[in-house]
Amino acid sequence: MVLAGCKSAPELTQAQALSMIQAKYDATPAVGANIIVNNDGMVQGATAKYWNRTTIYPNKYWADFTLTPEGKKVVKQVTGGDVIKWRPDSPTDTKYSIVMVTVAANHLKARDIKDIQDVGQTKTVTFTEGVDLTGVPDPLVGIAHNPGNQLSSTRTADFVLDGGAWKLQSIN
């Protein structure tokens, strides 16, 4: 009597999973990173000469800032235009912020593959997805590290067996 063995699925290593996830990110168009600019960030941006205050309103806490030529090289507003309309609710409003986008466009970066788990016929892995700030000048990187910005998050990738090899199915 001949025993028939069943084929087992090949191993999915952390290095393989990371390679497939990064290949997926690299295949998507590069984009600028969203940076939340709070009050500290506005001061840092003015100090770096990315914007200048052009108007201050009678309430003394609203202001308009115009992007400088140097600022236009490194950021753009999500809403478009050159004028930043700073409109906090009060002089002590610490929650008010605006969103700027870096001109430098990069791909997301995958790292720290963890927890390869079998889920039926598929495998899932958790990993860290991070914003790549390559090409972003140091003052803007400093603003990006202010409270409110999320430069990385934990994601899950699903892999399926396709023709005897693991294939990335989705990233959630």
N, C-alpha and C. Protein backbone atom coordinates (compact mmCIF):
# COMPACT_ATOMS: atom_id res chain seq x y z
N MET A 1 0.84 -1.15 0.00
CA MET A 1 0.00 0.00 0.00
C MET A 1 0.90 1.23 0.00
N VAL A 2 0.59 2.12 -0.88
CA VAL A 2 1.38 3.34 -0.99
C VAL A 2 0.64 4.44 -0.24
N LEU A 3 1.38 5.09 0.61
CA LEU A 3 0.78 6.21 1.34
C LEU A 3 0.89 7.47 0.50
N ALA A 4 -0.21 8.09 0.32
CA ALA A 4 -0.20 9.34 -0.44
C ALA A 4 -0.04 10.49 0.52
N GLY A 5 0.99 11.26 0.30
CA GLY A 5 1.22 12.42 1.17
C GLY A 5 0.60 13.65 0.56
N CYS A 6 0.15 14.51 1.42
CA CYS A 6 -0.39 15.75 0.88
C CYS A 6 0.70 16.81 0.89
N LYS A 7 0.65 17.64 -0.12
CA LYS A 7 1.65 18.69 -0.22
C LYS A 7 1.37 19.74 0.85
N SER A 8 2.38 20.15 1.52
CA SER A 8 2.19 21.22 2.49
C SER A 8 2.57 22.54 1.82
N ALA A 9 1.97 23.57 2.29
CA ALA A 9 2.25 24.90 1.74
C ALA A 9 3.66 25.31 2.10
N PRO A 10 4.32 26.05 1.21
CA PRO A 10 5.66 26.51 1.53
C PRO A 10 5.60 27.52 2.69
N GLU A 11 6.72 27.68 3.33
CA GLU A 11 6.80 28.63 4.44
C GLU A 11 6.74 30.06 3.88
N LEU A 12 6.11 30.95 4.61
CA LEU A 12 6.13 32.38 4.30
C LEU A 12 7.00 33.04 5.37
N THR A 13 8.16 33.53 4.96
CA THR A 13 9.08 34.14 5.92
C THR A 13 8.76 35.62 6.08
N GLN A 14 9.28 36.20 7.15
CA GLN A 14 9.10 37.64 7.37
C GLN A 14 9.72 38.44 6.23
N ALA A 15 10.89 38.00 5.76
CA ALA A 15 11.57 38.70 4.68
C ALA A 15 10.74 38.65 3.39
N GLN A 16 10.14 37.50 3.10
CA GLN A 16 9.30 37.39 1.90
C GLN A 16 8.07 38.29 2.01
N ALA A 17 7.43 38.26 3.18
CA ALA A 17 6.24 39.08 3.38
C ALA A 17 6.59 40.57 3.24
N LEU A 18 7.68 40.99 3.86
CA LEU A 18 8.11 42.38 3.77
C LEU A 18 8.39 42.77 2.32
N SER A 19 9.06 41.90 1.59
CA SER A 19 9.39 42.16 0.19
C SER A 19 8.14 42.35 -0.66
N MET A 20 7.14 41.51 -0.46
CA MET A 20 5.91 41.61 -1.25
C MET A 20 5.12 42.86 -0.89
N ILE A 21 5.06 43.19 0.39
CA ILE A 21 4.33 44.39 0.81
C ILE A 21 5.02 45.64 0.25
N GLN A 22 6.36 45.70 0.39
CA GLN A 22 7.08 46.86 -0.11
C GLN A 22 6.97 46.98 -1.62
N ALA A 23 6.98 45.85 -2.32
CA ALA A 23 6.80 45.87 -3.78
C ALA A 23 5.44 46.47 -4.14
N LYS A 24 4.42 46.14 -3.38
CA LYS A 24 3.08 46.72 -3.61
C LYS A 24 3.12 48.23 -3.40
N TYR A 25 3.74 48.68 -2.32
CA TYR A 25 3.84 50.13 -2.06
C TYR A 25 4.64 50.82 -3.16
N ASP A 26 5.74 50.20 -3.58
CA ASP A 26 6.59 50.80 -4.61
C ASP A 26 5.89 50.86 -5.97
N ALA A 27 4.91 49.99 -6.19
CA ALA A 27 4.18 49.96 -7.46
C ALA A 27 3.10 51.04 -7.52
N THR A 28 2.73 51.60 -6.38
CA THR A 28 1.74 52.67 -6.38
C THR A 28 2.43 54.01 -6.58
N PRO A 29 1.75 54.99 -7.13
CA PRO A 29 2.38 56.29 -7.35
C PRO A 29 2.85 56.92 -6.02
N ALA A 30 4.02 57.54 -6.06
CA ALA A 30 4.54 58.24 -4.89
C ALA A 30 3.67 59.46 -4.62
N VAL A 31 3.49 59.77 -3.35
CA VAL A 31 2.68 60.92 -2.96
C VAL A 31 3.39 61.70 -1.86
N GLY A 32 2.98 62.95 -1.70
CA GLY A 32 3.48 63.76 -0.60
C GLY A 32 2.85 63.30 0.70
N ALA A 33 3.52 63.59 1.79
CA ALA A 33 3.02 63.22 3.11
C ALA A 33 2.16 64.35 3.67
N ASN A 34 1.02 64.00 4.25
CA ASN A 34 0.21 64.99 4.95
C ASN A 34 0.87 65.31 6.28
N ILE A 35 1.00 66.60 6.56
CA ILE A 35 1.58 67.04 7.82
C ILE A 35 0.59 67.98 8.49
N ILE A 36 0.21 67.63 9.70
CA ILE A 36 -0.66 68.49 10.49
C ILE A 36 0.21 69.57 11.12
N VAL A 37 -0.16 70.82 10.90
CA VAL A 37 0.59 71.96 11.41
C VAL A 37 -0.24 72.62 12.51
N ASN A 38 0.24 72.51 13.74
CA ASN A 38 -0.42 73.15 14.87
C ASN A 38 0.25 74.50 15.14
N ASN A 39 -0.08 75.13 16.26
CA ASN A 39 0.49 76.45 16.57
C ASN A 39 2.02 76.40 16.60
N ASP A 40 2.59 75.38 17.25
CA ASP A 40 4.05 75.25 17.28
C ASP A 40 4.61 75.10 15.87
N GLY A 41 3.92 74.34 15.04
CA GLY A 41 4.35 74.15 13.66
C GLY A 41 4.29 75.45 12.85
N MET A 42 3.29 76.28 13.14
CA MET A 42 3.22 77.58 12.45
C MET A 42 4.43 78.43 12.80
N VAL A 43 4.83 78.41 14.08
CA VAL A 43 6.01 79.16 14.50
C VAL A 43 7.26 78.57 13.85
N GLN A 44 7.38 77.24 13.85
CA GLN A 44 8.54 76.58 13.23
C GLN A 44 8.61 76.91 11.73
N GLY A 45 7.47 76.90 11.05
CA GLY A 45 7.44 77.20 9.62
C GLY A 45 7.81 78.65 9.33
N ALA A 46 7.37 79.56 10.19
CA ALA A 46 7.73 80.97 10.01
C ALA A 46 9.23 81.16 10.25
N THR A 47 9.76 80.49 11.27
CA THR A 47 11.19 80.56 11.57
C THR A 47 12.02 80.01 10.40
N ALA A 48 11.52 78.93 9.77
CA ALA A 48 12.21 78.32 8.63
C ALA A 48 11.98 79.12 7.34
N LYS A 49 11.18 80.17 7.45
CA LYS A 49 10.87 81.05 6.30
C LYS A 49 10.08 80.32 5.21
N TYR A 50 9.19 79.39 5.65
CA TYR A 50 8.29 78.72 4.71
C TYR A 50 7.04 79.57 4.46
N TRP A 51 6.67 80.43 5.43
CA TRP A 51 5.54 81.33 5.29
C TRP A 51 5.78 82.58 6.12
N ASN A 52 5.14 83.66 5.70
CA ASN A 52 5.22 84.94 6.40
C ASN A 52 3.81 85.39 6.76
N ARG A 53 3.68 85.99 7.94
CA ARG A 53 2.38 86.55 8.31
C ARG A 53 2.15 87.81 7.49
N THR A 54 1.01 87.85 6.81
CA THR A 54 0.69 89.00 5.96
C THR A 54 -0.47 89.82 6.52
N THR A 55 -1.34 89.21 7.31
CA THR A 55 -2.48 89.91 7.90
C THR A 55 -2.71 89.40 9.30
N ILE A 56 -2.96 90.32 10.23
CA ILE A 56 -3.41 89.93 11.56
C ILE A 56 -4.75 90.61 11.77
N TYR A 57 -5.70 89.89 12.31
CA TYR A 57 -7.07 90.39 12.45
C TYR A 57 -7.26 91.07 13.80
N PRO A 58 -8.32 91.88 13.93
CA PRO A 58 -8.54 92.64 15.17
C PRO A 58 -8.60 91.78 16.44
N ASN A 59 -9.02 90.52 16.33
CA ASN A 59 -9.07 89.68 17.53
C ASN A 59 -7.68 89.23 17.98
N LYS A 60 -6.66 89.51 17.19
CA LYS A 60 -5.24 89.28 17.49
C LYS A 60 -4.81 87.80 17.48
N TYR A 61 -5.72 86.87 17.18
CA TYR A 61 -5.30 85.47 17.09
C TYR A 61 -5.63 84.85 15.74
N TRP A 62 -6.39 85.52 14.92
CA TRP A 62 -6.55 85.10 13.54
C TRP A 62 -5.48 85.80 12.71
N ALA A 63 -4.98 85.09 11.72
CA ALA A 63 -3.98 85.69 10.84
C ALA A 63 -3.99 84.98 9.50
N ASP A 64 -3.45 85.66 8.51
CA ASP A 64 -3.19 85.06 7.21
C ASP A 64 -1.68 85.01 7.03
N PHE A 65 -1.22 83.91 6.49
CA PHE A 65 0.20 83.72 6.19
C PHE A 65 0.29 83.38 4.71
N THR A 66 1.33 83.87 4.06
CA THR A 66 1.55 83.57 2.65
C THR A 66 2.78 82.69 2.52
N LEU A 67 2.65 81.64 1.73
CA LEU A 67 3.80 80.78 1.47
C LEU A 67 4.89 81.58 0.76
N THR A 68 6.12 81.42 1.21
CA THR A 68 7.26 82.08 0.58
C THR A 68 7.72 81.23 -0.61
N PRO A 69 8.57 81.79 -1.46
CA PRO A 69 9.11 80.96 -2.54
C PRO A 69 9.78 79.68 -2.00
N GLU A 70 10.50 79.79 -0.86
CA GLU A 70 11.12 78.61 -0.25
C GLU A 70 10.04 77.63 0.24
N GLY A 71 8.98 78.17 0.83
CA GLY A 71 7.88 77.33 1.31
C GLY A 71 7.20 76.57 0.20
N LYS A 72 7.02 77.24 -0.95
CA LYS A 72 6.38 76.59 -2.10
C LYS A 72 7.21 75.42 -2.64
N LYS A 73 8.50 75.43 -2.35
CA LYS A 73 9.37 74.32 -2.78
C LYS A 73 9.21 73.09 -1.91
N VAL A 74 8.66 73.26 -0.69
CA VAL A 74 8.62 72.13 0.25
C VAL A 74 7.22 71.69 0.66
N VAL A 75 6.23 72.61 0.61
CA VAL A 75 4.86 72.25 1.00
C VAL A 75 3.84 72.89 0.09
N LYS A 76 2.65 72.32 0.13
CA LYS A 76 1.49 72.94 -0.52
C LYS A 76 0.29 72.68 0.38
N GLN A 77 -0.69 73.53 0.24
CA GLN A 77 -1.90 73.36 1.04
C GLN A 77 -2.81 72.32 0.40
N VAL A 78 -3.49 71.58 1.23
CA VAL A 78 -4.46 70.60 0.74
C VAL A 78 -5.55 71.34 -0.03
N THR A 79 -5.91 72.52 0.45
CA THR A 79 -6.98 73.30 -0.18
C THR A 79 -6.50 74.10 -1.37
N GLY A 80 -5.19 74.10 -1.63
CA GLY A 80 -4.63 74.87 -2.73
C GLY A 80 -4.37 76.31 -2.32
N GLY A 81 -3.75 77.04 -3.19
CA GLY A 81 -3.48 78.45 -2.94
C GLY A 81 -2.23 78.70 -2.12
N ASP A 82 -1.89 79.98 -2.01
CA ASP A 82 -0.67 80.40 -1.30
C ASP A 82 -0.94 80.97 0.07
N VAL A 83 -2.20 81.25 0.40
CA VAL A 83 -2.53 81.90 1.66
C VAL A 83 -3.04 80.88 2.68
N ILE A 84 -2.37 80.85 3.82
CA ILE A 84 -2.79 80.00 4.94
C ILE A 84 -3.70 80.85 5.81
N LYS A 85 -4.92 80.42 5.99
CA LYS A 85 -5.89 81.15 6.82
C LYS A 85 -5.92 80.50 8.20
N TRP A 86 -5.27 81.15 9.14
CA TRP A 86 -5.15 80.63 10.51
C TRP A 86 -6.33 81.15 11.32
N ARG A 87 -7.24 80.24 11.72
CA ARG A 87 -8.48 80.65 12.36
C ARG A 87 -8.80 79.82 13.61
N PRO A 88 -7.98 79.87 14.65
CA PRO A 88 -8.32 79.15 15.87
C PRO A 88 -9.56 79.75 16.55
N ASP A 89 -10.19 78.98 17.43
CA ASP A 89 -11.40 79.45 18.12
C ASP A 89 -11.13 80.51 19.17
N SER A 90 -9.93 80.51 19.72
CA SER A 90 -9.58 81.47 20.78
C SER A 90 -8.06 81.62 20.82
N PRO A 91 -7.56 82.58 21.57
CA PRO A 91 -6.10 82.72 21.66
C PRO A 91 -5.43 81.53 22.36
N THR A 92 -6.19 80.76 23.12
CA THR A 92 -5.63 79.61 23.83
C THR A 92 -6.02 78.28 23.20
N ASP A 93 -6.58 78.32 22.00
CA ASP A 93 -6.99 77.10 21.29
C ASP A 93 -5.76 76.30 20.90
N THR A 94 -5.53 75.17 21.57
CA THR A 94 -4.37 74.32 21.29
C THR A 94 -4.70 73.20 20.31
N LYS A 95 -5.96 73.07 19.92
CA LYS A 95 -6.37 71.98 19.03
C LYS A 95 -6.43 72.40 17.56
N TYR A 96 -6.40 73.68 17.28
CA TYR A 96 -6.53 74.14 15.90
C TYR A 96 -5.28 73.76 15.10
N SER A 97 -5.49 73.32 13.88
CA SER A 97 -4.37 72.95 13.01
C SER A 97 -4.84 73.02 11.56
N ILE A 98 -3.87 72.98 10.67
CA ILE A 98 -4.13 72.89 9.24
C ILE A 98 -3.33 71.71 8.71
N VAL A 99 -3.65 71.28 7.51
CA VAL A 99 -2.92 70.17 6.90
C VAL A 99 -2.18 70.70 5.68
N MET A 100 -0.88 70.40 5.65
CA MET A 100 -0.04 70.72 4.50
C MET A 100 0.43 69.40 3.91
N VAL A 101 0.84 69.42 2.65
CA VAL A 101 1.35 68.23 1.98
C VAL A 101 2.76 68.52 1.50
N THR A 102 3.67 67.59 1.75
CA THR A 102 5.04 67.79 1.29
C THR A 102 5.10 67.74 -0.23
N VAL A 103 5.95 68.57 -0.80
CA VAL A 103 6.17 68.52 -2.25
C VAL A 103 6.95 67.26 -2.59
N ALA A 104 7.89 66.88 -1.72
CA ALA A 104 8.64 65.63 -1.93
C ALA A 104 7.66 64.46 -1.87
N ALA A 105 7.61 63.69 -2.93
CA ALA A 105 6.70 62.54 -3.02
C ALA A 105 7.51 61.26 -2.80
N ASN A 106 6.99 60.40 -1.94
CA ASN A 106 7.65 59.14 -1.62
C ASN A 106 6.62 58.03 -1.52
N HIS A 107 7.12 56.82 -1.47
CA HIS A 107 6.28 55.65 -1.25
C HIS A 107 6.24 55.35 0.24
N LEU A 108 5.15 54.75 0.70
CA LEU A 108 5.10 54.28 2.07
C LEU A 108 6.17 53.22 2.28
N LYS A 109 6.60 53.04 3.51
CA LYS A 109 7.61 52.03 3.84
C LYS A 109 7.02 51.03 4.81
N ALA A 110 7.24 49.76 4.54
CA ALA A 110 6.81 48.67 5.41
C ALA A 110 8.02 48.22 6.24
N ARG A 111 7.75 47.91 7.52
CA ARG A 111 8.82 47.41 8.39
C ARG A 111 8.20 46.62 9.54
N ASP A 112 9.05 45.99 10.29
CA ASP A 112 8.65 45.29 11.53
C ASP A 112 7.54 44.26 11.30
N ILE A 113 7.80 43.31 10.43
CA ILE A 113 6.84 42.22 10.20
C ILE A 113 6.74 41.39 11.47
N LYS A 114 5.51 41.13 11.89
CA LYS A 114 5.27 40.35 13.10
C LYS A 114 4.11 39.39 12.87
N ASP A 115 4.02 38.44 13.73
CA ASP A 115 2.82 37.60 13.84
C ASP A 115 2.32 37.01 12.53
N ILE A 116 3.14 36.19 11.88
CA ILE A 116 2.64 35.46 10.71
C ILE A 116 1.71 34.38 11.24
N GLN A 117 0.45 34.45 10.83
CA GLN A 117 -0.55 33.52 11.35
C GLN A 117 -1.26 32.81 10.21
N ASP A 118 -1.57 31.54 10.44
CA ASP A 118 -2.36 30.77 9.50
C ASP A 118 -3.83 31.04 9.78
N VAL A 119 -4.56 31.39 8.73
CA VAL A 119 -6.01 31.60 8.85
C VAL A 119 -6.64 30.82 7.71
N GLY A 120 -6.98 29.57 7.98
CA GLY A 120 -7.52 28.71 6.94
C GLY A 120 -6.47 28.47 5.87
N GLN A 121 -6.79 28.80 4.64
CA GLN A 121 -5.88 28.63 3.51
C GLN A 121 -5.01 29.88 3.27
N THR A 122 -5.12 30.85 4.13
CA THR A 122 -4.37 32.09 3.96
C THR A 122 -3.43 32.32 5.14
N LYS A 123 -2.58 33.31 4.99
CA LYS A 123 -1.72 33.74 6.09
C LYS A 123 -1.91 35.25 6.24
N THR A 124 -1.84 35.70 7.48
CA THR A 124 -1.89 37.13 7.74
C THR A 124 -0.64 37.52 8.51
N VAL A 125 -0.21 38.76 8.30
CA VAL A 125 0.92 39.30 9.05
C VAL A 125 0.56 40.71 9.48
N THR A 126 1.06 41.09 10.63
CA THR A 126 0.95 42.48 11.04
C THR A 126 2.31 43.14 10.82
N PHE A 127 2.26 44.42 10.48
CA PHE A 127 3.50 45.14 10.21
C PHE A 127 3.27 46.62 10.46
N THR A 128 4.34 47.38 10.45
CA THR A 128 4.26 48.82 10.60
C THR A 128 4.40 49.47 9.23
N GLU A 129 3.45 50.33 8.93
CA GLU A 129 3.48 51.11 7.71
C GLU A 129 3.90 52.52 8.10
N GLY A 130 4.94 53.03 7.45
CA GLY A 130 5.45 54.35 7.81
C GLY A 130 5.54 55.30 6.65
N VAL A 131 5.40 56.58 6.97
CA VAL A 131 5.58 57.65 6.00
C VAL A 131 7.08 57.83 5.77
N ASP A 132 7.48 57.99 4.54
CA ASP A 132 8.89 58.21 4.20
C ASP A 132 9.10 59.70 3.97
N LEU A 133 9.94 60.31 4.79
CA LEU A 133 10.20 61.75 4.68
C LEU A 133 11.53 62.04 3.97
N THR A 134 11.99 61.11 3.15
CA THR A 134 13.20 61.34 2.36
C THR A 134 12.99 62.56 1.46
N GLY A 135 13.97 63.45 1.44
CA GLY A 135 13.89 64.64 0.61
C GLY A 135 13.15 65.79 1.25
N VAL A 136 12.62 65.58 2.46
CA VAL A 136 11.93 66.65 3.19
C VAL A 136 12.96 67.35 4.06
N PRO A 137 13.05 68.68 3.99
CA PRO A 137 14.05 69.39 4.78
C PRO A 137 13.82 69.26 6.30
N ASP A 138 14.91 69.34 7.05
CA ASP A 138 14.86 69.13 8.50
C ASP A 138 13.81 69.97 9.23
N PRO A 139 13.64 71.26 8.93
CA PRO A 139 12.61 72.01 9.65
C PRO A 139 11.21 71.43 9.45
N LEU A 140 10.93 70.96 8.25
CA LEU A 140 9.62 70.37 7.97
C LEU A 140 9.49 69.00 8.63
N VAL A 141 10.59 68.24 8.70
CA VAL A 141 10.57 66.97 9.43
C VAL A 141 10.26 67.25 10.91
N GLY A 142 10.84 68.32 11.45
CA GLY A 142 10.55 68.70 12.83
C GLY A 142 9.07 68.99 13.03
N ILE A 143 8.46 69.71 12.10
CA ILE A 143 7.02 70.00 12.17
C ILE A 143 6.23 68.70 12.10
N ALA A 144 6.67 67.77 11.25
CA ALA A 144 5.98 66.49 11.10
C ALA A 144 6.02 65.66 12.37
N HIS A 145 6.99 65.91 13.25
CA HIS A 145 7.09 65.16 14.50
C HIS A 145 6.35 65.83 15.66
N ASN A 146 5.65 66.94 15.38
CA ASN A 146 4.84 67.58 16.42
C ASN A 146 3.62 66.73 16.73
N PRO A 147 3.02 66.94 17.91
CA PRO A 147 1.80 66.20 18.26
C PRO A 147 0.71 66.38 17.20
N GLY A 148 -0.04 65.33 16.99
CA GLY A 148 -1.13 65.33 16.01
C GLY A 148 -0.80 64.60 14.74
N ASN A 149 0.48 64.48 14.43
CA ASN A 149 0.88 63.78 13.22
C ASN A 149 1.02 62.29 13.50
N GLN A 150 0.56 61.49 12.58
CA GLN A 150 0.72 60.05 12.67
C GLN A 150 1.58 59.62 11.50
N LEU A 151 2.84 59.30 11.81
CA LEU A 151 3.79 58.96 10.77
C LEU A 151 3.89 57.46 10.54
N SER A 152 3.26 56.68 11.39
CA SER A 152 3.24 55.23 11.18
C SER A 152 1.97 54.65 11.78
N SER A 153 1.60 53.48 11.30
CA SER A 153 0.44 52.78 11.82
C SER A 153 0.64 51.28 11.64
N THR A 154 -0.08 50.52 12.41
CA THR A 154 -0.02 49.06 12.32
C THR A 154 -1.06 48.62 11.30
N ARG A 155 -0.63 47.79 10.38
CA ARG A 155 -1.51 47.29 9.32
C ARG A 155 -1.45 45.77 9.31
N THR A 156 -2.36 45.17 8.57
CA THR A 156 -2.40 43.72 8.40
C THR A 156 -2.40 43.41 6.91
N ALA A 157 -1.58 42.44 6.52
CA ALA A 157 -1.55 41.99 5.12
C ALA A 157 -2.03 40.55 5.06
N ASP A 158 -2.79 40.24 4.04
CA ASP A 158 -3.29 38.89 3.82
C ASP A 158 -2.59 38.30 2.60
N PHE A 159 -2.17 37.05 2.74
CA PHE A 159 -1.48 36.33 1.67
C PHE A 159 -2.27 35.08 1.33
N VAL A 160 -2.30 34.73 0.04
CA VAL A 160 -2.96 33.52 -0.42
C VAL A 160 -1.96 32.68 -1.20
N LEU A 161 -2.20 31.40 -1.21
CA LEU A 161 -1.35 30.48 -1.97
C LEU A 161 -1.84 30.50 -3.41
N ASP A 162 -0.93 30.77 -4.33
CA ASP A 162 -1.27 30.87 -5.75
C ASP A 162 -0.23 30.09 -6.54
N GLY A 163 -0.63 28.94 -7.06
CA GLY A 163 0.28 28.12 -7.86
C GLY A 163 1.49 27.63 -7.06
N GLY A 164 1.30 27.37 -5.79
CA GLY A 164 2.38 26.86 -4.96
C GLY A 164 3.27 27.93 -4.33
N ALA A 165 2.93 29.19 -4.53
CA ALA A 165 3.72 30.28 -3.93
C ALA A 165 2.77 31.28 -3.26
N TRP A 166 3.27 31.94 -2.25
CA TRP A 166 2.48 32.94 -1.55
C TRP A 166 2.40 34.22 -2.36
N LYS A 167 1.21 34.83 -2.35
CA LYS A 167 0.95 36.06 -3.10
C LYS A 167 0.20 37.02 -2.17
N LEU A 168 0.61 38.29 -2.19
CA LEU A 168 -0.09 39.31 -1.41
C LEU A 168 -1.49 39.52 -1.98
N GLN A 169 -2.48 39.36 -1.11
CA GLN A 169 -3.86 39.55 -1.56
C GLN A 169 -4.38 40.94 -1.21
N SER A 170 -4.14 41.39 0.03
CA SER A 170 -4.65 42.71 0.43
C SER A 170 -3.88 43.24 1.63
N ILE A 171 -3.99 44.56 1.80
CA ILE A 171 -3.43 45.23 2.96
C ILE A 171 -4.57 46.00 3.61
N ASN A 172 -4.78 45.73 4.87
CA ASN A 172 -5.88 46.37 5.62
C ASN A 172 -5.32 47.18 6.76
